[in-house]
All heavy atoms as atom14 arrays in JSON, in Angstrom:
{
  "sequence": "KQYILSGELPAGEEEKDLWILYDEHDRIMKFAENERLKTDPNGYIKEI",
  "atom14_mask": [
    [1, 1, 1, 1, 1, 1, 1, 1, 1, 0, 0, 0, 0, 0],
    [1, 1, 1, 1, 1, 1, 1, 1, 1, 0, 0, 0, 0, 0],
    [1, 1, 1, 1, 1, 1, 1, 1, 1, 1, 1, 1, 0, 0],
    [1, 1, 1, 1, 1, 1, 1, 1, 0, 0, 0, 0, 0, 0],
    [1, 1, 1, 1, 1, 1, 1, 1, 0, 0, 0, 0, 0, 0],
    [1, 1, 1, 1, 1, 1, 0, 0, 0, 0, 0, 0, 0, 0],
    [1, 1, 1, 1, 0, 0, 0, 0, 0, 0, 0, 0, 0, 0],
    [1, 1, 1, 1, 1, 1, 1, 1, 1, 0, 0, 0, 0, 0],
    [1, 1, 1, 1, 1, 1, 1, 1, 0, 0, 0, 0, 0, 0],
    [1, 1, 1, 1, 1, 1, 1, 0, 0, 0, 0, 0, 0, 0],
    [1, 1, 1, 1, 1, 0, 0, 0, 0, 0, 0, 0, 0, 0],
    [1, 1, 1, 1, 0, 0, 0, 0, 0, 0, 0, 0, 0, 0],
    [1, 1, 1, 1, 1, 1, 1, 1, 1, 0, 0, 0, 0, 0],
    [1, 1, 1, 1, 1, 1, 1, 1, 1, 0, 0, 0, 0, 0],
    [1, 1, 1, 1, 1, 1, 1, 1, 1, 0, 0, 0, 0, 0],
    [1, 1, 1, 1, 1, 1, 1, 1, 1, 0, 0, 0, 0, 0],
    [1, 1, 1, 1, 1, 1, 1, 1, 0, 0, 0, 0, 0, 0],
    [1, 1, 1, 1, 1, 1, 1, 1, 0, 0, 0, 0, 0, 0],
    [1, 1, 1, 1, 1, 1, 1, 1, 1, 1, 1, 1, 1, 1],
    [1, 1, 1, 1, 1, 1, 1, 1, 0, 0, 0, 0, 0, 0],
    [1, 1, 1, 1, 1, 1, 1, 1, 0, 0, 0, 0, 0, 0],
    [1, 1, 1, 1, 1, 1, 1, 1, 1, 1, 1, 1, 0, 0],
    [1, 1, 1, 1, 1, 1, 1, 1, 0, 0, 0, 0, 0, 0],
    [1, 1, 1, 1, 1, 1, 1, 1, 1, 0, 0, 0, 0, 0],
    [1, 1, 1, 1, 1, 1, 1, 1, 1, 1, 0, 0, 0, 0],
    [1, 1, 1, 1, 1, 1, 1, 1, 0, 0, 0, 0, 0, 0],
    [1, 1, 1, 1, 1, 1, 1, 1, 1, 1, 1, 0, 0, 0],
    [1, 1, 1, 1, 1, 1, 1, 1, 0, 0, 0, 0, 0, 0],
    [1, 1, 1, 1, 1, 1, 1, 1, 0, 0, 0, 0, 0, 0],
    [1, 1, 1, 1, 1, 1, 1, 1, 1, 0, 0, 0, 0, 0],
    [1, 1, 1, 1, 1, 1, 1, 1, 1, 1, 1, 0, 0, 0],
    [1, 1, 1, 1, 1, 0, 0, 0, 0, 0, 0, 0, 0, 0],
    [1, 1, 1, 1, 1, 1, 1, 1, 1, 0, 0, 0, 0, 0],
    [1, 1, 1, 1, 1, 1, 1, 1, 0, 0, 0, 0, 0, 0],
    [1, 1, 1, 1, 1, 1, 1, 1, 1, 0, 0, 0, 0, 0],
    [1, 1, 1, 1, 1, 1, 1, 1, 1, 1, 1, 0, 0, 0],
    [1, 1, 1, 1, 1, 1, 1, 1, 0, 0, 0, 0, 0, 0],
    [1, 1, 1, 1, 1, 1, 1, 1, 1, 0, 0, 0, 0, 0],
    [1, 1, 1, 1, 1, 1, 1, 0, 0, 0, 0, 0, 0, 0],
    [1, 1, 1, 1, 1, 1, 1, 1, 0, 0, 0, 0, 0, 0],
    [1, 1, 1, 1, 1, 1, 1, 0, 0, 0, 0, 0, 0, 0],
    [1, 1, 1, 1, 1, 1, 1, 1, 0, 0, 0, 0, 0, 0],
    [1, 1, 1, 1, 0, 0, 0, 0, 0, 0, 0, 0, 0, 0],
    [1, 1, 1, 1, 1, 1, 1, 1, 1, 1, 1, 1, 0, 0],
    [1, 1, 1, 1, 1, 1, 1, 1, 0, 0, 0, 0, 0, 0],
    [1, 1, 1, 1, 1, 1, 1, 1, 1, 0, 0, 0, 0, 0],
    [1, 1, 1, 1, 1, 1, 1, 1, 1, 0, 0, 0, 0, 0],
    [1, 1, 1, 1, 1, 1, 1, 1, 0, 0, 0, 0, 0, 0]
  ],
  "atom14_positions": [
    [[89.44, 89.3, 116.33], [88.71, 90.57, 116.49], [89.61, 91.72, 116.44], [89.36, 92.76, 115.76], [87.98, 90.55, 117.74], [87.15, 91.87, 118.0], [86.39, 91.93, 119.32], [85.67, 93.21, 119.58], [84.97, 93.28, 120.88], [0.0, 0.0, 0.0], [0.0, 0.0, 0.0], [0.0, 0.0, 0.0], [0.0, 0.0, 0.0], [0.0, 0.0, 0.0]],
    [[90.74, 91.7, 117.11], [91.67, 92.78, 117.18], [92.23, 93.11, 115.75], [92.36, 94.22, 115.39], [92.88, 92.44, 118.08], [93.93, 93.47, 118.2], [95.09, 93.12, 119.05], [94.92, 92.44, 119.99], [96.36, 93.62, 118.72], [0.0, 0.0, 0.0], [0.0, 0.0, 0.0], [0.0, 0.0, 0.0], [0.0, 0.0, 0.0], [0.0, 0.0, 0.0]],
    [[92.57, 92.0, 115.04], [93.14, 92.21, 113.72], [92.09, 92.73, 112.7], [92.36, 93.63, 111.87], [93.67, 90.89, 113.21], [94.33, 91.05, 111.79], [95.54, 91.76, 111.68], [93.79, 90.48, 110.71], [96.16, 91.91, 110.44], [94.4, 90.63, 109.42], [95.62, 91.24, 109.34], [96.19, 91.42, 108.13], [0.0, 0.0, 0.0], [0.0, 0.0, 0.0]],
    [[90.79, 92.23, 112.85], [89.79, 92.69, 111.9], [89.44, 94.17, 112.09], [89.25, 94.92, 111.14], [88.5, 91.87, 112.18], [88.76, 90.41, 111.68], [87.34, 92.45, 111.42], [87.56, 89.45, 112.09], [0.0, 0.0, 0.0], [0.0, 0.0, 0.0], [0.0, 0.0, 0.0], [0.0, 0.0, 0.0], [0.0, 0.0, 0.0], [0.0, 0.0, 0.0]],
    [[89.44, 94.62, 113.34], [89.1, 95.94, 113.6], [90.26, 96.99, 113.5], [90.04, 98.06, 112.99], [88.52, 96.14, 115.07], [87.25, 95.37, 115.34], [86.79, 95.52, 116.75], [86.13, 95.87, 114.42], [0.0, 0.0, 0.0], [0.0, 0.0, 0.0], [0.0, 0.0, 0.0], [0.0, 0.0, 0.0], [0.0, 0.0, 0.0], [0.0, 0.0, 0.0]],
    [[91.41, 96.61, 113.86], [92.58, 97.53, 113.95], [93.65, 97.28, 112.91], [94.49, 98.12, 112.55], [93.2, 97.52, 115.33], [93.79, 96.33, 115.57], [0.0, 0.0, 0.0], [0.0, 0.0, 0.0], [0.0, 0.0, 0.0], [0.0, 0.0, 0.0], [0.0, 0.0, 0.0], [0.0, 0.0, 0.0], [0.0, 0.0, 0.0], [0.0, 0.0, 0.0]],
    [[93.65, 96.06, 112.34], [94.73, 95.66, 111.4], [95.98, 95.38, 112.12], [97.05, 95.14, 111.53], [0.0, 0.0, 0.0], [0.0, 0.0, 0.0], [0.0, 0.0, 0.0], [0.0, 0.0, 0.0], [0.0, 0.0, 0.0], [0.0, 0.0, 0.0], [0.0, 0.0, 0.0], [0.0, 0.0, 0.0], [0.0, 0.0, 0.0], [0.0, 0.0, 0.0]],
    [[95.99, 95.23, 113.49], [97.24, 94.93, 114.23], [97.22, 93.53, 114.57], [96.32, 92.97, 115.14], [97.2, 95.85, 115.56], [97.31, 97.35, 115.24], [97.19, 98.15, 116.58], [97.03, 97.49, 117.6], [97.15, 99.31, 116.46], [0.0, 0.0, 0.0], [0.0, 0.0, 0.0], [0.0, 0.0, 0.0], [0.0, 0.0, 0.0], [0.0, 0.0, 0.0]],
    [[98.42, 92.86, 114.24], [98.59, 91.47, 114.65], [98.98, 91.36, 116.06], [99.82, 92.11, 116.56], [99.6, 90.82, 113.79], [99.26, 90.39, 112.36], [100.46, 90.02, 111.59], [98.26, 89.22, 112.46], [0.0, 0.0, 0.0], [0.0, 0.0, 0.0], [0.0, 0.0, 0.0], [0.0, 0.0, 0.0], [0.0, 0.0, 0.0], [0.0, 0.0, 0.0]],
    [[98.4, 90.48, 116.97], [98.84, 90.28, 118.23], [100.32, 89.71, 118.3], [100.76, 89.16, 117.38], [97.89, 89.21, 118.8], [96.68, 89.22, 117.84], [97.25, 89.59, 116.52], [0.0, 0.0, 0.0], [0.0, 0.0, 0.0], [0.0, 0.0, 0.0], [0.0, 0.0, 0.0], [0.0, 0.0, 0.0], [0.0, 0.0, 0.0], [0.0, 0.0, 0.0]],
    [[100.95, 90.0, 119.38], [102.3, 89.57, 119.56], [102.43, 88.15, 119.37], [101.75, 87.33, 119.94], [102.84, 90.02, 120.88], [0.0, 0.0, 0.0], [0.0, 0.0, 0.0], [0.0, 0.0, 0.0], [0.0, 0.0, 0.0], [0.0, 0.0, 0.0], [0.0, 0.0, 0.0], [0.0, 0.0, 0.0], [0.0, 0.0, 0.0], [0.0, 0.0, 0.0]],
    [[103.35, 87.74, 118.48], [103.65, 86.26, 118.22], [102.73, 85.61, 117.26], [102.83, 84.46, 117.02], [0.0, 0.0, 0.0], [0.0, 0.0, 0.0], [0.0, 0.0, 0.0], [0.0, 0.0, 0.0], [0.0, 0.0, 0.0], [0.0, 0.0, 0.0], [0.0, 0.0, 0.0], [0.0, 0.0, 0.0], [0.0, 0.0, 0.0], [0.0, 0.0, 0.0]],
    [[101.75, 86.37, 116.74], [100.78, 85.8, 115.78], [101.21, 86.23, 114.34], [101.74, 87.33, 114.09], [99.41, 86.28, 116.08], [98.82, 85.81, 117.44], [98.47, 84.34, 117.37], [98.15, 83.81, 116.3], [98.49, 83.77, 118.45], [0.0, 0.0, 0.0], [0.0, 0.0, 0.0], [0.0, 0.0, 0.0], [0.0, 0.0, 0.0], [0.0, 0.0, 0.0]],
    [[100.83, 85.38, 113.37], [100.95, 85.7, 111.95], [99.59, 85.7, 111.3], [98.68, 84.96, 111.78], [101.95, 84.68, 111.31], [103.34, 84.73, 111.79], [104.24, 83.73, 111.03], [103.92, 83.48, 109.86], [105.24, 83.25, 111.65], [0.0, 0.0, 0.0], [0.0, 0.0, 0.0], [0.0, 0.0, 0.0], [0.0, 0.0, 0.0], [0.0, 0.0, 0.0]],
    [[99.5, 86.44, 110.17], [98.22, 86.55, 109.6], [97.68, 85.26, 109.04], [96.49, 84.92, 109.17], [98.34, 87.56, 108.35], [96.95, 87.77, 107.69], [97.07, 88.87, 106.66], [98.12, 89.43, 106.45], [96.02, 89.2, 105.98], [0.0, 0.0, 0.0], [0.0, 0.0, 0.0], [0.0, 0.0, 0.0], [0.0, 0.0, 0.0], [0.0, 0.0, 0.0]],
    [[98.59, 84.37, 108.6], [98.11, 83.05, 108.12], [97.48, 82.16, 109.23], [96.84, 81.17, 108.9], [99.33, 82.3, 107.43], [100.44, 81.99, 108.42], [101.62, 81.27, 107.62], [102.72, 80.87, 108.61], [102.39, 80.03, 109.71], [0.0, 0.0, 0.0], [0.0, 0.0, 0.0], [0.0, 0.0, 0.0], [0.0, 0.0, 0.0], [0.0, 0.0, 0.0]],
    [[97.87, 82.59, 110.47], [97.29, 81.71, 111.6], [95.93, 82.19, 112.0], [95.27, 81.56, 112.85], [98.22, 81.83, 112.76], [99.64, 81.21, 112.47], [99.63, 80.19, 111.71], [100.65, 81.73, 112.96], [0.0, 0.0, 0.0], [0.0, 0.0, 0.0], [0.0, 0.0, 0.0], [0.0, 0.0, 0.0], [0.0, 0.0, 0.0], [0.0, 0.0, 0.0]],
    [[95.46, 83.29, 111.48], [94.15, 83.9, 111.78], [93.13, 83.33, 110.85], [93.29, 83.49, 109.64], [94.14, 85.34, 111.81], [95.17, 86.03, 112.77], [95.09, 87.51, 112.65], [94.92, 85.52, 114.24], [0.0, 0.0, 0.0], [0.0, 0.0, 0.0], [0.0, 0.0, 0.0], [0.0, 0.0, 0.0], [0.0, 0.0, 0.0], [0.0, 0.0, 0.0]],
    [[92.02, 82.75, 111.24], [91.03, 82.14, 110.41], [90.01, 83.21, 110.11], [88.89, 83.22, 110.69], [90.43, 80.92, 111.12], [91.39, 79.74, 111.21], [92.5, 79.77, 111.99], [91.27, 78.52, 110.51], [93.03, 78.6, 111.78], [92.41, 77.74, 110.89], [90.5, 78.03, 109.55], [92.63, 76.49, 110.35], [90.74, 76.8, 109.06], [91.78, 76.05, 109.45]],
    [[90.35, 84.04, 109.14], [89.44, 85.19, 108.82], [89.2, 85.2, 107.34], [89.87, 84.41, 106.62], [90.01, 86.55, 109.2], [91.32, 86.78, 108.61], [90.1, 86.64, 110.77], [91.89, 88.16, 108.93], [0.0, 0.0, 0.0], [0.0, 0.0, 0.0], [0.0, 0.0, 0.0], [0.0, 0.0, 0.0], [0.0, 0.0, 0.0], [0.0, 0.0, 0.0]],
    [[88.31, 86.01, 106.85], [87.98, 86.09, 105.41], [89.09, 86.81, 104.67], [89.74, 87.8, 105.24], [86.65, 86.79, 105.21], [85.4, 86.03, 105.64], [84.21, 86.97, 105.71], [85.08, 84.96, 104.66], [0.0, 0.0, 0.0], [0.0, 0.0, 0.0], [0.0, 0.0, 0.0], [0.0, 0.0, 0.0], [0.0, 0.0, 0.0], [0.0, 0.0, 0.0]],
    [[89.32, 86.43, 103.34], [90.31, 87.19, 102.53], [89.97, 88.63, 102.36], [90.73, 89.44, 102.17], [90.5, 86.39, 101.26], [89.43, 86.61, 100.31], [89.42, 87.65, 99.37], [88.31, 85.81, 100.39], [88.41, 87.8, 98.43], [87.17, 85.96, 99.49], [87.27, 87.0, 98.58], [86.17, 87.17, 97.74], [0.0, 0.0, 0.0], [0.0, 0.0, 0.0]],
    [[88.66, 88.93, 102.37], [88.19, 90.31, 102.16], [87.53, 90.86, 103.45], [86.65, 91.69, 103.4], [87.2, 90.36, 101.04], [85.9, 89.46, 101.26], [85.97, 88.66, 102.22], [84.95, 89.68, 100.47], [0.0, 0.0, 0.0], [0.0, 0.0, 0.0], [0.0, 0.0, 0.0], [0.0, 0.0, 0.0], [0.0, 0.0, 0.0], [0.0, 0.0, 0.0]],
    [[88.03, 90.41, 104.53], [87.46, 90.77, 105.89], [87.57, 92.32, 106.04], [86.58, 92.89, 106.54], [88.3, 90.17, 107.02], [87.51, 90.22, 108.32], [86.56, 89.08, 108.61], [86.99, 87.86, 108.57], [85.32, 89.34, 108.8], [0.0, 0.0, 0.0], [0.0, 0.0, 0.0], [0.0, 0.0, 0.0], [0.0, 0.0, 0.0], [0.0, 0.0, 0.0]],
    [[88.64, 92.99, 105.55], [88.7, 94.4, 105.84], [87.57, 95.13, 105.04], [86.97, 96.07, 105.52], [90.08, 94.89, 105.4], [90.25, 96.3, 105.64], [90.43, 96.94, 106.93], [90.35, 97.4, 104.78], [90.47, 98.29, 106.79], [90.54, 98.59, 105.54], [0.0, 0.0, 0.0], [0.0, 0.0, 0.0], [0.0, 0.0, 0.0], [0.0, 0.0, 0.0]],
    [[87.37, 94.72, 103.76], [86.36, 95.4, 102.89], [84.95, 95.16, 103.58], [84.21, 96.02, 103.57], [86.32, 94.74, 101.55], [87.62, 95.12, 100.73], [88.29, 96.11, 101.15], [87.93, 94.32, 99.87], [0.0, 0.0, 0.0], [0.0, 0.0, 0.0], [0.0, 0.0, 0.0], [0.0, 0.0, 0.0], [0.0, 0.0, 0.0], [0.0, 0.0, 0.0]],
    [[84.8, 93.94, 104.13], [83.45, 93.75, 104.74], [83.22, 94.57, 106.05], [82.13, 95.05, 106.23], [83.33, 92.21, 105.14], [83.23, 91.3, 103.91], [83.28, 89.89, 104.34], [83.15, 88.94, 103.24], [82.05, 88.36, 102.82], [80.9, 88.59, 103.41], [81.96, 87.56, 101.8], [0.0, 0.0, 0.0], [0.0, 0.0, 0.0], [0.0, 0.0, 0.0]],
    [[84.18, 94.61, 106.87], [84.03, 95.44, 108.12], [83.95, 96.88, 107.79], [83.21, 97.67, 108.4], [85.21, 95.29, 109.1], [84.9, 95.79, 110.5], [86.47, 95.68, 108.65], [83.62, 95.08, 111.12], [0.0, 0.0, 0.0], [0.0, 0.0, 0.0], [0.0, 0.0, 0.0], [0.0, 0.0, 0.0], [0.0, 0.0, 0.0], [0.0, 0.0, 0.0]],
    [[84.58, 97.41, 106.71], [84.54, 98.77, 106.29], [83.1, 99.04, 105.8], [82.53, 100.21, 106.08], [85.58, 99.13, 105.31], [86.99, 99.22, 105.81], [87.1, 100.55, 107.06], [87.04, 99.65, 108.57], [0.0, 0.0, 0.0], [0.0, 0.0, 0.0], [0.0, 0.0, 0.0], [0.0, 0.0, 0.0], [0.0, 0.0, 0.0], [0.0, 0.0, 0.0]],
    [[82.48, 98.24, 105.0], [81.23, 98.36, 104.5], [80.19, 98.34, 105.68], [79.26, 99.22, 105.71], [80.78, 97.24, 103.53], [79.47, 97.46, 102.88], [79.18, 96.34, 101.86], [77.82, 96.54, 101.2], [77.59, 95.5, 100.15], [0.0, 0.0, 0.0], [0.0, 0.0, 0.0], [0.0, 0.0, 0.0], [0.0, 0.0, 0.0], [0.0, 0.0, 0.0]],
    [[80.38, 97.46, 106.65], [79.52, 97.3, 107.75], [79.65, 98.7, 108.61], [78.63, 99.31, 109.02], [79.92, 96.24, 108.71], [79.04, 96.08, 109.89], [77.85, 95.47, 109.82], [79.55, 96.54, 111.21], [77.09, 95.28, 110.97], [78.76, 96.41, 112.26], [77.52, 95.75, 112.25], [0.0, 0.0, 0.0], [0.0, 0.0, 0.0], [0.0, 0.0, 0.0]],
    [[80.84, 99.21, 108.79], [81.1, 100.48, 109.53], [80.38, 101.62, 108.76], [79.83, 102.51, 109.51], [82.58, 100.76, 109.62], [0.0, 0.0, 0.0], [0.0, 0.0, 0.0], [0.0, 0.0, 0.0], [0.0, 0.0, 0.0], [0.0, 0.0, 0.0], [0.0, 0.0, 0.0], [0.0, 0.0, 0.0], [0.0, 0.0, 0.0], [0.0, 0.0, 0.0]],
    [[80.42, 101.66, 107.44], [79.72, 102.73, 106.74], [78.23, 102.66, 106.95], [77.57, 103.68, 107.1], [80.11, 102.63, 105.25], [79.45, 103.63, 104.4], [79.82, 103.46, 102.94], [80.6, 102.54, 102.52], [79.2, 104.24, 102.11], [0.0, 0.0, 0.0], [0.0, 0.0, 0.0], [0.0, 0.0, 0.0], [0.0, 0.0, 0.0], [0.0, 0.0, 0.0]],
    [[77.7, 101.46, 106.87], [76.23, 101.34, 107.08], [75.84, 101.65, 108.48], [74.74, 102.26, 108.61], [75.84, 99.88, 106.78], [75.98, 99.48, 105.29], [75.98, 100.39, 104.41], [76.1, 98.18, 105.0], [0.0, 0.0, 0.0], [0.0, 0.0, 0.0], [0.0, 0.0, 0.0], [0.0, 0.0, 0.0], [0.0, 0.0, 0.0], [0.0, 0.0, 0.0]],
    [[76.66, 101.39, 109.4], [76.35, 101.71, 110.86], [76.85, 103.1, 111.38], [76.7, 103.39, 112.47], [76.85, 100.62, 111.72], [76.33, 99.24, 111.5], [74.8, 99.14, 111.72], [74.37, 99.9, 112.55], [74.09, 98.24, 111.18], [0.0, 0.0, 0.0], [0.0, 0.0, 0.0], [0.0, 0.0, 0.0], [0.0, 0.0, 0.0], [0.0, 0.0, 0.0]],
    [[77.44, 103.77, 110.39], [78.03, 105.09, 110.68], [79.01, 105.09, 111.78], [79.01, 105.89, 112.79], [76.93, 106.12, 111.0], [76.02, 106.41, 109.8], [74.96, 107.44, 110.19], [74.23, 107.89, 108.99], [73.13, 107.28, 108.58], [72.67, 106.15, 109.21], [72.41, 107.69, 107.55], [0.0, 0.0, 0.0], [0.0, 0.0, 0.0], [0.0, 0.0, 0.0]],
    [[79.93, 104.11, 111.79], [80.95, 104.02, 112.79], [82.23, 104.83, 112.41], [82.51, 104.99, 111.09], [81.45, 102.54, 112.89], [80.35, 101.59, 113.46], [80.84, 100.16, 113.41], [79.86, 101.93, 114.87], [0.0, 0.0, 0.0], [0.0, 0.0, 0.0], [0.0, 0.0, 0.0], [0.0, 0.0, 0.0], [0.0, 0.0, 0.0], [0.0, 0.0, 0.0]],
    [[82.89, 105.41, 113.31], [84.08, 106.18, 113.12], [85.27, 105.34, 112.73], [85.49, 104.31, 113.31], [84.36, 107.11, 114.29], [83.36, 108.18, 114.52], [83.77, 109.02, 115.77], [82.74, 110.13, 116.02], [83.15, 110.89, 117.18], [0.0, 0.0, 0.0], [0.0, 0.0, 0.0], [0.0, 0.0, 0.0], [0.0, 0.0, 0.0], [0.0, 0.0, 0.0]],
    [[85.99, 105.71, 111.74], [87.29, 105.03, 111.34], [88.44, 105.94, 111.48], [88.27, 107.18, 111.29], [87.13, 104.43, 109.97], [86.8, 105.44, 109.05], [85.96, 103.44, 109.86], [0.0, 0.0, 0.0], [0.0, 0.0, 0.0], [0.0, 0.0, 0.0], [0.0, 0.0, 0.0], [0.0, 0.0, 0.0], [0.0, 0.0, 0.0], [0.0, 0.0, 0.0]],
    [[89.65, 105.46, 111.59], [90.84, 106.27, 111.64], [91.36, 106.54, 110.21], [90.78, 105.98, 109.24], [91.91, 105.54, 112.46], [92.45, 104.25, 111.88], [92.2, 103.99, 110.67], [93.04, 103.47, 112.65], [0.0, 0.0, 0.0], [0.0, 0.0, 0.0], [0.0, 0.0, 0.0], [0.0, 0.0, 0.0], [0.0, 0.0, 0.0], [0.0, 0.0, 0.0]],
    [[92.36, 107.36, 110.02], [92.84, 107.72, 108.7], [93.25, 106.47, 107.89], [93.27, 106.56, 106.62], [94.02, 108.66, 108.92], [93.66, 109.28, 110.29], [93.01, 108.13, 111.02], [0.0, 0.0, 0.0], [0.0, 0.0, 0.0], [0.0, 0.0, 0.0], [0.0, 0.0, 0.0], [0.0, 0.0, 0.0], [0.0, 0.0, 0.0], [0.0, 0.0, 0.0]],
    [[93.67, 105.37, 108.46], [94.03, 104.23, 107.82], [92.93, 103.3, 107.47], [93.14, 102.24, 106.84], [95.08, 103.43, 108.65], [96.34, 104.2, 108.83], [96.8, 104.85, 107.92], [96.97, 104.15, 110.01], [0.0, 0.0, 0.0], [0.0, 0.0, 0.0], [0.0, 0.0, 0.0], [0.0, 0.0, 0.0], [0.0, 0.0, 0.0], [0.0, 0.0, 0.0]],
    [[91.65, 103.71, 107.82], [90.56, 102.87, 107.45], [90.16, 101.79, 108.41], [89.55, 100.76, 107.99], [0.0, 0.0, 0.0], [0.0, 0.0, 0.0], [0.0, 0.0, 0.0], [0.0, 0.0, 0.0], [0.0, 0.0, 0.0], [0.0, 0.0, 0.0], [0.0, 0.0, 0.0], [0.0, 0.0, 0.0], [0.0, 0.0, 0.0], [0.0, 0.0, 0.0]],
    [[90.52, 101.92, 109.66], [90.17, 100.97, 110.63], [89.22, 101.58, 111.73], [89.15, 102.75, 111.92], [91.45, 100.46, 111.37], [92.25, 99.58, 110.47], [93.4, 100.08, 109.76], [91.86, 98.23, 110.12], [94.12, 99.27, 108.85], [92.68, 97.44, 109.28], [93.75, 98.0, 108.62], [94.46, 97.16, 107.79], [0.0, 0.0, 0.0], [0.0, 0.0, 0.0]],
    [[88.51, 100.67, 112.42], [87.55, 101.09, 113.35], [88.15, 101.41, 114.71], [88.93, 100.53, 115.26], [86.47, 100.04, 113.5], [85.7, 99.88, 112.12], [85.37, 100.39, 114.58], [84.63, 98.8, 112.09], [0.0, 0.0, 0.0], [0.0, 0.0, 0.0], [0.0, 0.0, 0.0], [0.0, 0.0, 0.0], [0.0, 0.0, 0.0], [0.0, 0.0, 0.0]],
    [[87.84, 102.52, 115.24], [88.34, 102.86, 116.61], [87.58, 102.19, 117.72], [88.24, 101.78, 118.68], [88.45, 104.37, 116.73], [89.39, 105.18, 115.8], [89.29, 106.58, 116.1], [90.26, 107.46, 115.24], [90.26, 108.87, 115.5], [0.0, 0.0, 0.0], [0.0, 0.0, 0.0], [0.0, 0.0, 0.0], [0.0, 0.0, 0.0], [0.0, 0.0, 0.0]],
    [[86.24, 102.19, 117.53], [85.51, 101.75, 118.66], [84.18, 101.2, 118.06], [83.51, 101.71, 117.17], [85.13, 102.94, 119.6], [84.46, 102.48, 120.9], [84.24, 103.68, 121.83], [85.12, 104.56, 121.76], [83.28, 103.62, 122.55], [0.0, 0.0, 0.0], [0.0, 0.0, 0.0], [0.0, 0.0, 0.0], [0.0, 0.0, 0.0], [0.0, 0.0, 0.0]],
    [[83.85, 100.02, 118.65], [82.52, 99.33, 118.23], [81.86, 98.66, 119.45], [82.59, 98.17, 120.36], [82.85, 98.3, 117.19], [81.54, 97.69, 116.61], [83.79, 97.09, 117.72], [81.67, 96.82, 115.36], [0.0, 0.0, 0.0], [0.0, 0.0, 0.0], [0.0, 0.0, 0.0], [0.0, 0.0, 0.0], [0.0, 0.0, 0.0], [0.0, 0.0, 0.0]]
  ]
}
């Protein structure tokens, strides 16, 4: 969840170890747009 929303990897974790979609960022951004959620300048969700 942390990586999907913020793009930040938890300490000691690698992206290949996270079982997420290859286009997860595009999907969450589309969802944020539909739900009118605020995103930061890098295109990540601040709060949900």
